[in-house]
């Protein structure tokens, strides 16, 4: 008989963090998430989601006490009721190849969420930002995933779909080589923007972090408020905190801003692709892990850019600014010769305009991840994520 155990102390939390190492033992593709990053998500003192939400974790053992799986369930009560059915989340799912074990983990999430009034659950997702730990990998298993991206065995897809999860949306991760030949029209657009239309592009300067954080906030709030019905504006303080949180690993030349007549209108925020370094620390940024991280960074092992987030104020869309940012980044990469490629992450299948832009510049699709939704009422009407016009 299997035993489901709620994570409630240091020992069970340690088992929750350790279990993926059992699943992926001997897999050269897999790179462990950083244990400290995962623990922050489930710490009410450090994760602001707990201000309007709650979360729970479980581990699963067989009758001999061997670990068989893990999972988490969570609710952001401010967001849950913005869906047609009140919807919670589940994530951080890992399981041996045993359907009964997987369903027991899914059942635990469903029961916990139903008890709190939820009618559906999305998964696997994060109890936090969408750009990390979001979606189930369904294509691209032969490639090493970038930092913060989920990786899983192919058989997880069968578990989710057999349980009744349905595809809510797919998200794509692209990769573009530094030496790609961009379409000539992009260079023409860049020249027109910068010579006759009052635009200029520049990269962030860490010595002026408050200025660029304020510009980021301005663009972010205007861009995301149009795209998301229940958007909560970012404050300048939050923007500053976000930039400071990545300061130690950031390369300021990867953080590009576009301005029109001096006003901020768009940004692209990238960082060095840290999994090229984290592959050497086995998920632990203790003293030895930090030494290994710094050593391999010094050796120049980080040659890939990880695109974190892109934003443009709605009234400035379709003016070629996307092309301008692409050309500006291309010039930087050519000049510095520090990077040979870049991941472009989190392009939803509900955003065909962005897909067209990314593929037009020669990026190749590397990974597909699916965000599933399970409706608890089998007779309820399922709807996929609406397409962005």
Protein backbone atom coordinates (compact mmCIF):
# COMPACT_ATOMS: atom_id res chain seq x y z
CA UNK A 1 0.00 0.00 0.00
CA UNK A 2 1.26 3.47 -0.90
CA UNK A 3 1.47 6.20 1.71
CA UNK A 4 0.85 9.88 0.97
CA UNK A 5 2.73 12.12 3.41
CA UNK A 6 2.25 15.87 3.71
CA UNK A 7 5.49 17.86 3.80
CA UNK A 8 5.57 19.26 7.31
CA UNK A 9 9.15 19.26 8.56
CA UNK A 10 12.77 19.43 7.47
CA UNK A 11 12.96 15.69 6.74
CA UNK A 12 9.92 15.56 4.45
CA UNK A 13 10.94 18.82 2.77
CA UNK A 14 14.36 17.29 2.10
CA UNK A 15 12.71 14.21 0.56
CA UNK A 16 10.58 16.48 -1.65
CA UNK A 17 13.72 18.21 -2.95
CA UNK A 18 15.72 14.99 -3.32
CA UNK A 19 13.20 12.87 -5.22
CA UNK A 20 13.91 14.19 -8.76
CA UNK A 21 17.46 12.89 -8.41
CA UNK A 22 15.97 9.39 -8.26
CA UNK A 23 13.85 9.88 -11.39
CA UNK A 24 16.67 11.38 -13.50
CA UNK A 25 19.61 9.37 -12.22
CA UNK A 26 21.93 8.71 -15.14
CA UNK A 27 20.09 11.12 -17.48
CA UNK A 28 22.75 13.47 -18.94
CA UNK A 29 20.09 15.86 -20.28
CA UNK A 30 18.48 16.72 -16.96
CA UNK A 31 19.81 19.57 -14.81
CA UNK A 32 18.48 19.91 -11.29
CA UNK A 33 16.55 23.00 -10.28
CA UNK A 34 18.28 24.84 -7.46
CA UNK A 35 16.95 23.57 -4.13
CA UNK A 36 17.00 27.05 -2.60
CA UNK A 37 14.86 28.39 -5.47
CA UNK A 38 12.21 25.73 -4.86
CA UNK A 39 12.16 26.28 -1.11
CA UNK A 40 11.50 30.00 -1.57
CA UNK A 41 8.27 29.15 -3.39
CA UNK A 42 6.90 27.32 -0.35
CA UNK A 43 8.08 29.83 2.25
CA UNK A 44 5.27 32.24 3.27
CA UNK A 45 7.87 34.73 4.46
CA UNK A 46 9.48 34.97 1.02
CA UNK A 47 6.72 34.24 -1.51
CA UNK A 48 4.17 37.03 -1.88
CA UNK A 49 1.65 34.55 -3.32
CA UNK A 50 0.87 33.57 0.25
CA UNK A 51 -0.60 37.03 0.90
CA UNK A 52 -3.69 35.90 -1.00
CA UNK A 53 -3.05 32.19 -1.26
CA UNK A 54 -2.07 28.89 0.28
CA UNK A 55 -0.07 25.83 -0.72
CA UNK A 56 0.60 22.27 0.32
CA UNK A 57 3.15 19.60 -0.67
CA UNK A 58 3.18 15.82 -0.48
CA UNK A 59 5.61 12.99 -0.99
CA UNK A 60 4.52 9.45 -1.84
CA UNK A 61 6.16 6.25 -0.52
CA UNK A 62 5.59 2.56 -1.12
CA UNK A 63 5.03 0.09 1.74
CA UNK A 64 8.79 -0.42 2.05
CA UNK A 65 9.30 3.32 2.54
CA UNK A 66 10.81 4.00 -0.87
CA UNK A 67 9.99 7.34 -2.48
CA UNK A 68 7.62 7.04 -5.44
CA UNK A 69 6.55 10.61 -6.15
CA UNK A 70 5.92 14.16 -5.08
CA UNK A 71 3.49 16.96 -5.92
CA UNK A 72 2.24 20.34 -4.71
CA UNK A 73 -1.15 22.08 -4.85
CA UNK A 74 -1.85 25.78 -4.39
CA UNK A 75 -4.40 28.55 -4.78
CA UNK A 76 -4.10 32.26 -5.37
CA UNK A 77 -7.55 33.31 -4.21
CA UNK A 78 -7.35 36.62 -6.09
CA UNK A 79 -6.83 34.82 -9.40
CA UNK A 80 -8.82 31.63 -8.85
CA UNK A 81 -12.20 33.21 -9.44
CA UNK A 82 -11.18 35.07 -12.60
CA UNK A 83 -11.71 31.86 -14.60
CA UNK A 84 -15.04 30.44 -15.76
CA UNK A 85 -14.62 27.78 -13.08
CA UNK A 86 -12.72 28.70 -9.88
CA UNK A 87 -9.30 27.25 -10.68
CA UNK A 88 -6.37 26.25 -8.50
CA UNK A 89 -3.01 24.88 -9.46
CA UNK A 90 -0.78 21.87 -9.10
CA UNK A 91 2.88 21.47 -9.92
CA UNK A 92 6.31 20.14 -9.06
CA UNK A 93 4.97 16.73 -10.04
CA UNK A 94 7.48 13.89 -10.25
CA UNK A 95 6.57 10.21 -10.24
CA UNK A 96 7.91 6.76 -11.02
CA UNK A 97 6.36 5.03 -14.01
CA UNK A 98 3.30 3.83 -12.12
CA UNK A 99 -0.17 5.06 -13.12
CA UNK A 100 -1.71 4.30 -9.72
CA UNK A 101 0.97 6.36 -7.99
CA UNK A 102 0.46 9.26 -10.38
CA UNK A 103 -3.32 9.21 -9.94
CA UNK A 104 -2.93 9.13 -6.17
CA UNK A 105 -0.89 12.33 -6.38
CA UNK A 106 -3.42 13.94 -8.73
CA UNK A 107 -6.28 12.88 -6.43
CA UNK A 108 -4.56 14.52 -3.45
CA UNK A 109 -4.38 17.83 -5.34
CA UNK A 110 -7.97 17.59 -6.54
CA UNK A 111 -9.35 16.77 -3.10
CA UNK A 112 -7.42 19.59 -1.42
CA UNK A 113 -8.55 22.09 -4.06
CA UNK A 114 -12.18 20.94 -4.07
CA UNK A 115 -12.30 21.29 -0.30
CA UNK A 116 -11.40 24.96 -0.85
CA UNK A 117 -14.10 25.59 -3.42
CA UNK A 118 -12.14 25.02 -6.62
CA UNK A 119 -13.84 23.51 -9.68
CA UNK A 120 -10.70 22.98 -11.79
CA UNK A 121 -6.93 22.79 -11.58
CA UNK A 122 -4.17 23.85 -13.95
CA UNK A 123 -0.89 22.04 -14.07
CA UNK A 124 1.90 21.58 -13.90
CA UNK A 125 2.33 25.24 -13.00
CA UNK A 126 4.17 27.37 -10.46
CA UNK A 127 2.94 29.07 -7.31
CA UNK A 128 4.38 32.30 -8.67
CA UNK A 129 5.70 33.73 -11.90
CA UNK A 130 4.74 32.08 -15.19
CA UNK A 131 8.25 32.28 -16.63
CA UNK A 132 9.50 29.57 -14.26
CA UNK A 133 8.51 25.94 -13.55
CA UNK A 134 5.49 26.19 -15.87
CA UNK A 135 4.12 23.53 -18.19
CA UNK A 136 4.78 19.87 -18.98
CA UNK A 137 7.48 19.10 -21.52
CA UNK A 138 5.91 17.24 -24.46
CA UNK A 139 8.54 17.83 -27.16
CA UNK A 140 12.29 18.46 -27.04
CA UNK A 141 13.39 15.72 -24.66
CA UNK A 142 16.78 15.36 -26.33
CA UNK A 143 17.94 18.91 -25.52
CA UNK A 144 19.22 20.28 -22.23
CA UNK A 145 16.59 22.67 -20.86
CA UNK A 146 17.40 26.28 -20.01
CA UNK A 147 17.30 27.65 -16.48
CA UNK A 148 13.86 27.68 -14.79
CA UNK A 149 12.28 25.45 -17.45
CA UNK A 150 10.58 22.20 -16.50
CA UNK A 151 11.99 18.91 -17.77
CA UNK A 152 10.26 15.55 -17.35
CA UNK A 153 10.08 12.02 -18.78
CA UNK A 154 7.80 11.52 -21.81
CA UNK A 155 5.48 9.20 -19.88
CA UNK A 156 4.19 12.05 -17.69
CA UNK A 157 2.06 13.19 -20.66
CA UNK A 158 0.21 9.87 -20.62
CA UNK A 159 -0.49 10.25 -16.89
CA UNK A 160 -1.96 13.74 -17.27
CA UNK A 161 -4.16 12.93 -20.24
CA UNK A 162 -5.36 9.59 -18.85
CA UNK A 163 -6.47 11.41 -15.68
CA UNK A 164 -8.56 13.83 -17.73
CA UNK A 165 -6.34 16.88 -18.02
CA UNK A 166 -6.89 18.76 -21.30
CA UNK A 167 -4.54 21.03 -23.22
CA UNK A 168 -5.26 24.61 -22.10
CA UNK A 169 -2.35 26.05 -24.09
CA UNK A 170 1.12 25.23 -25.36
CA UNK A 171 4.15 27.39 -24.79
CA UNK A 172 7.22 27.28 -27.01
CA UNK A 173 10.90 27.83 -26.37
CA UNK A 174 12.98 28.91 -29.37
CA UNK A 175 16.72 29.14 -29.92
CA UNK A 176 18.48 31.48 -32.31
CA UNK A 177 22.17 31.37 -33.26
CA UNK A 178 24.29 34.50 -32.95
CA UNK A 179 25.52 34.17 -36.52
CA UNK A 180 22.04 33.90 -38.02
CA UNK A 181 21.57 36.13 -41.06
CA UNK A 182 18.64 38.38 -40.25
CA UNK A 183 16.19 39.50 -42.95
CA UNK A 184 17.44 42.78 -44.53
CA UNK A 185 14.13 44.45 -43.75
CA UNK A 186 14.99 44.36 -40.02
CA UNK A 187 18.07 46.51 -40.56
CA UNK A 188 16.05 48.94 -42.67
CA UNK A 189 13.42 49.23 -39.94
CA UNK A 190 16.12 49.84 -37.33
CA UNK A 191 17.72 52.60 -39.41
CA UNK A 192 14.36 54.24 -40.02
CA UNK A 193 13.44 54.12 -36.33
CA UNK A 194 16.73 55.61 -35.14
CA UNK A 195 17.37 58.19 -37.87
CA UNK A 196 14.00 59.68 -38.74
CA UNK A 197 11.38 58.58 -36.20
CA UNK A 198 12.80 59.67 -32.86
CA UNK A 199 13.63 56.27 -31.39
CA UNK A 200 16.80 55.15 -29.66
CA UNK A 201 17.91 51.92 -28.02
CA UNK A 202 20.23 51.45 -25.07
CA UNK A 203 21.15 48.81 -22.56
CA UNK A 204 20.63 49.00 -18.83
CA UNK A 205 23.36 50.40 -16.59
CA UNK A 206 23.47 48.85 -13.13
CA UNK A 207 24.82 52.13 -11.75
CA UNK A 208 21.41 53.63 -12.62
CA UNK A 209 19.24 50.72 -11.48
CA UNK A 210 16.47 52.96 -10.10
CA UNK A 211 16.01 54.75 -13.44
CA UNK A 212 15.79 51.57 -15.48
CA UNK A 213 13.58 49.86 -12.90
CA UNK A 214 11.17 52.80 -13.18
CA UNK A 215 11.22 52.57 -16.98
CA UNK A 216 10.63 48.82 -16.78
CA UNK A 217 7.65 49.36 -14.46
CA UNK A 218 6.13 51.94 -16.81
CA UNK A 219 6.33 49.66 -19.85
CA UNK A 220 5.30 46.55 -17.94
CA UNK A 221 2.19 48.10 -16.43
CA UNK A 222 0.98 49.58 -19.71
CA UNK A 223 1.69 46.40 -21.69
CA UNK A 224 0.35 43.81 -19.26
CA UNK A 225 -2.76 45.75 -18.19
CA UNK A 226 -4.08 45.46 -21.75
CA UNK A 227 -3.31 41.76 -22.06
CA UNK A 228 -4.57 40.57 -18.67
CA UNK A 229 -8.04 41.39 -17.39
CA UNK A 230 -7.20 41.11 -13.68
CA UNK A 231 -3.73 42.66 -13.84
CA UNK A 232 -2.15 44.04 -10.67
CA UNK A 233 0.25 46.93 -11.44
CA UNK A 234 3.90 46.65 -10.47
CA UNK A 235 5.39 49.26 -8.18
CA UNK A 236 8.77 50.90 -8.66
CA UNK A 237 9.94 49.22 -5.47
CA UNK A 238 9.01 45.80 -6.85
CA UNK A 239 10.82 46.53 -10.11
CA UNK A 240 13.95 47.58 -8.23
CA UNK A 241 13.77 44.43 -6.11
CA UNK A 242 13.43 42.28 -9.25
CA UNK A 243 16.53 43.82 -10.82
CA UNK A 244 18.53 43.53 -7.64
CA UNK A 245 17.56 39.87 -7.31
CA UNK A 246 19.36 39.06 -10.58
CA UNK A 247 22.18 41.57 -10.20
CA UNK A 248 24.81 38.98 -9.31
CA UNK A 249 24.22 36.95 -12.47
CA UNK A 250 23.14 39.74 -14.81
CA UNK A 251 24.94 41.14 -17.83
CA UNK A 252 23.66 44.69 -18.24
CA UNK A 253 24.21 44.56 -22.00
CA UNK A 254 21.49 41.89 -22.22
CA UNK A 255 18.86 44.28 -20.84
CA UNK A 256 17.76 46.46 -23.74
CA UNK A 257 15.32 49.37 -23.67
CA UNK A 258 13.64 51.29 -26.49
CA UNK A 259 12.70 54.96 -26.11
CA UNK A 260 10.61 57.27 -28.26
CA UNK A 261 11.45 60.94 -27.85
CA UNK A 262 12.92 60.06 -24.47
CA UNK A 263 9.94 58.05 -23.19
CA UNK A 264 10.31 54.31 -22.45
CA UNK A 265 8.22 52.18 -24.80
CA UNK A 266 9.70 48.66 -24.89
CA UNK A 267 12.22 46.34 -23.27
CA UNK A 268 13.95 43.00 -23.66
CA UNK A 269 15.42 41.50 -20.50
CA UNK A 270 17.91 38.67 -20.83
CA UNK A 271 20.46 37.02 -18.56
CA UNK A 272 23.25 34.51 -19.17
CA UNK A 273 21.75 31.03 -19.48
CA UNK A 274 22.58 29.78 -15.99
CA UNK A 275 21.96 26.07 -16.53
CA UNK A 276 25.26 26.03 -18.39
CA UNK A 277 26.77 26.70 -14.97
CA UNK A 278 24.23 25.02 -12.69
CA UNK A 279 24.91 21.67 -14.35
CA UNK A 280 28.04 21.56 -12.16
CA UNK A 281 26.35 22.16 -8.77
CA UNK A 282 23.67 19.39 -8.68
CA UNK A 283 20.98 21.73 -7.44
CA UNK A 284 22.84 22.92 -4.35
CA UNK A 285 24.18 26.45 -4.04
CA UNK A 286 26.02 25.76 -0.80
CA UNK A 287 29.60 26.93 -0.37
CA UNK A 288 31.01 24.26 -2.68
CA UNK A 289 28.24 24.84 -5.20
CA UNK A 290 28.96 28.57 -5.30
CA UNK A 291 32.68 27.89 -5.78
CA UNK A 292 31.92 25.58 -8.71
CA UNK A 293 29.49 28.11 -10.15
CA UNK A 294 32.01 30.95 -10.02
CA UNK A 295 34.82 28.77 -11.33
CA UNK A 296 32.93 27.67 -14.44
CA UNK A 297 31.64 31.19 -15.00
CA UNK A 298 35.26 32.40 -14.92
CA UNK A 299 36.12 29.69 -17.47
CA UNK A 300 33.59 31.24 -19.85
CA UNK A 301 31.22 28.29 -19.85
CA UNK A 302 28.16 30.49 -20.20
CA UNK A 303 27.83 31.22 -23.93
CA UNK A 304 24.04 31.29 -24.26
CA UNK A 305 21.56 34.09 -23.51
CA UNK A 306 18.30 33.34 -21.73
CA UNK A 307 15.49 35.69 -22.74
CA UNK A 308 13.50 36.36 -19.59
CA UNK A 309 10.82 38.81 -20.67
CA UNK A 310 9.84 41.11 -23.53
CA UNK A 311 7.33 43.95 -23.37
CA UNK A 312 6.06 46.75 -25.55
CA UNK A 313 3.44 49.40 -24.85
CA UNK A 314 0.33 48.55 -26.93
CA UNK A 315 0.15 51.81 -28.87
CA UNK A 316 3.73 51.24 -30.06
CA UNK A 317 3.12 47.74 -31.38
CA UNK A 318 3.34 47.10 -35.12
CA UNK A 319 5.76 50.00 -35.60
CA UNK A 320 8.85 47.87 -36.04
CA UNK A 321 10.15 48.27 -32.48
CA UNK A 322 10.39 44.50 -32.09
CA UNK A 323 12.73 44.51 -35.10
CA UNK A 324 14.67 47.38 -33.56
CA UNK A 325 15.29 45.43 -30.36
CA UNK A 326 16.34 42.36 -32.36
CA UNK A 327 18.86 44.43 -34.36
CA UNK A 328 20.18 46.15 -31.24
CA UNK A 329 20.78 42.80 -29.52
CA UNK A 330 22.35 41.39 -32.69
CA UNK A 331 24.81 44.30 -32.79
CA UNK A 332 25.72 43.74 -29.15
CA UNK A 333 26.35 40.02 -29.63
CA UNK A 334 28.45 40.65 -32.73
CA UNK A 335 30.49 43.33 -31.00
CA UNK A 336 31.20 41.54 -27.71
CA UNK A 337 31.51 37.96 -29.06
CA UNK A 338 30.57 36.70 -25.58
CA UNK A 339 27.56 34.66 -26.68
CA UNK A 340 26.87 32.25 -29.50
CA UNK A 341 23.11 31.73 -29.18
CA UNK A 342 19.97 32.75 -27.30
CA UNK A 343 16.85 31.07 -25.95
CA UNK A 344 13.57 32.91 -26.53
CA UNK A 345 11.23 31.51 -23.93
CA UNK A 346 7.53 31.44 -23.13
CA UNK A 347 5.90 32.11 -26.48
CA UNK A 348 2.29 30.96 -26.04
CA UNK A 349 0.39 29.30 -28.86
CA UNK A 350 -2.35 31.85 -28.11
CA UNK A 351 -0.03 34.61 -29.35
CA UNK A 352 0.33 33.95 -33.10
CA UNK A 353 1.70 37.44 -33.72
CA UNK A 354 4.71 36.78 -31.48
CA UNK A 355 5.23 33.33 -33.01
CA UNK A 356 5.38 34.93 -36.45
CA UNK A 357 7.95 37.51 -35.30
CA UNK A 358 10.19 34.95 -33.61
CA UNK A 359 10.14 32.54 -36.54
CA UNK A 360 10.65 35.37 -39.04
CA UNK A 361 14.05 36.19 -37.54
CA UNK A 362 15.22 32.59 -37.92
CA UNK A 363 14.66 31.16 -34.44
CA UNK A 364 14.15 27.40 -34.27
CA UNK A 365 11.58 25.82 -31.96
CA UNK A 366 13.40 23.66 -29.39
CA UNK A 367 10.82 22.80 -26.73
CA UNK A 368 7.05 22.57 -26.40
CA UNK A 369 5.45 22.59 -22.95
CA UNK A 370 1.75 22.11 -22.28
CA UNK A 371 -0.27 23.73 -19.54
CA UNK A 372 -3.13 21.37 -18.81
CA UNK A 373 -6.50 22.07 -17.17
CA UNK A 374 -8.60 19.48 -15.37
CA UNK A 375 -12.31 20.30 -14.92
CA UNK A 376 -13.74 18.52 -11.88
CA UNK A 377 -17.22 18.47 -13.39
CA UNK A 378 -17.02 16.07 -16.30
CA UNK A 379 -20.03 17.74 -17.95
CA UNK A 380 -18.55 21.26 -17.80
CA UNK A 381 -17.59 22.89 -21.10
CA UNK A 382 -13.83 23.04 -21.63
CA UNK A 383 -12.36 26.08 -23.38
CA UNK A 384 -8.76 26.62 -24.41
CA UNK A 385 -6.90 29.84 -23.63
CA UNK A 386 -8.26 32.66 -25.81
CA UNK A 387 -6.08 33.83 -28.70
CA UNK A 388 -4.51 37.29 -28.34
CA UNK A 389 -5.46 39.57 -31.24
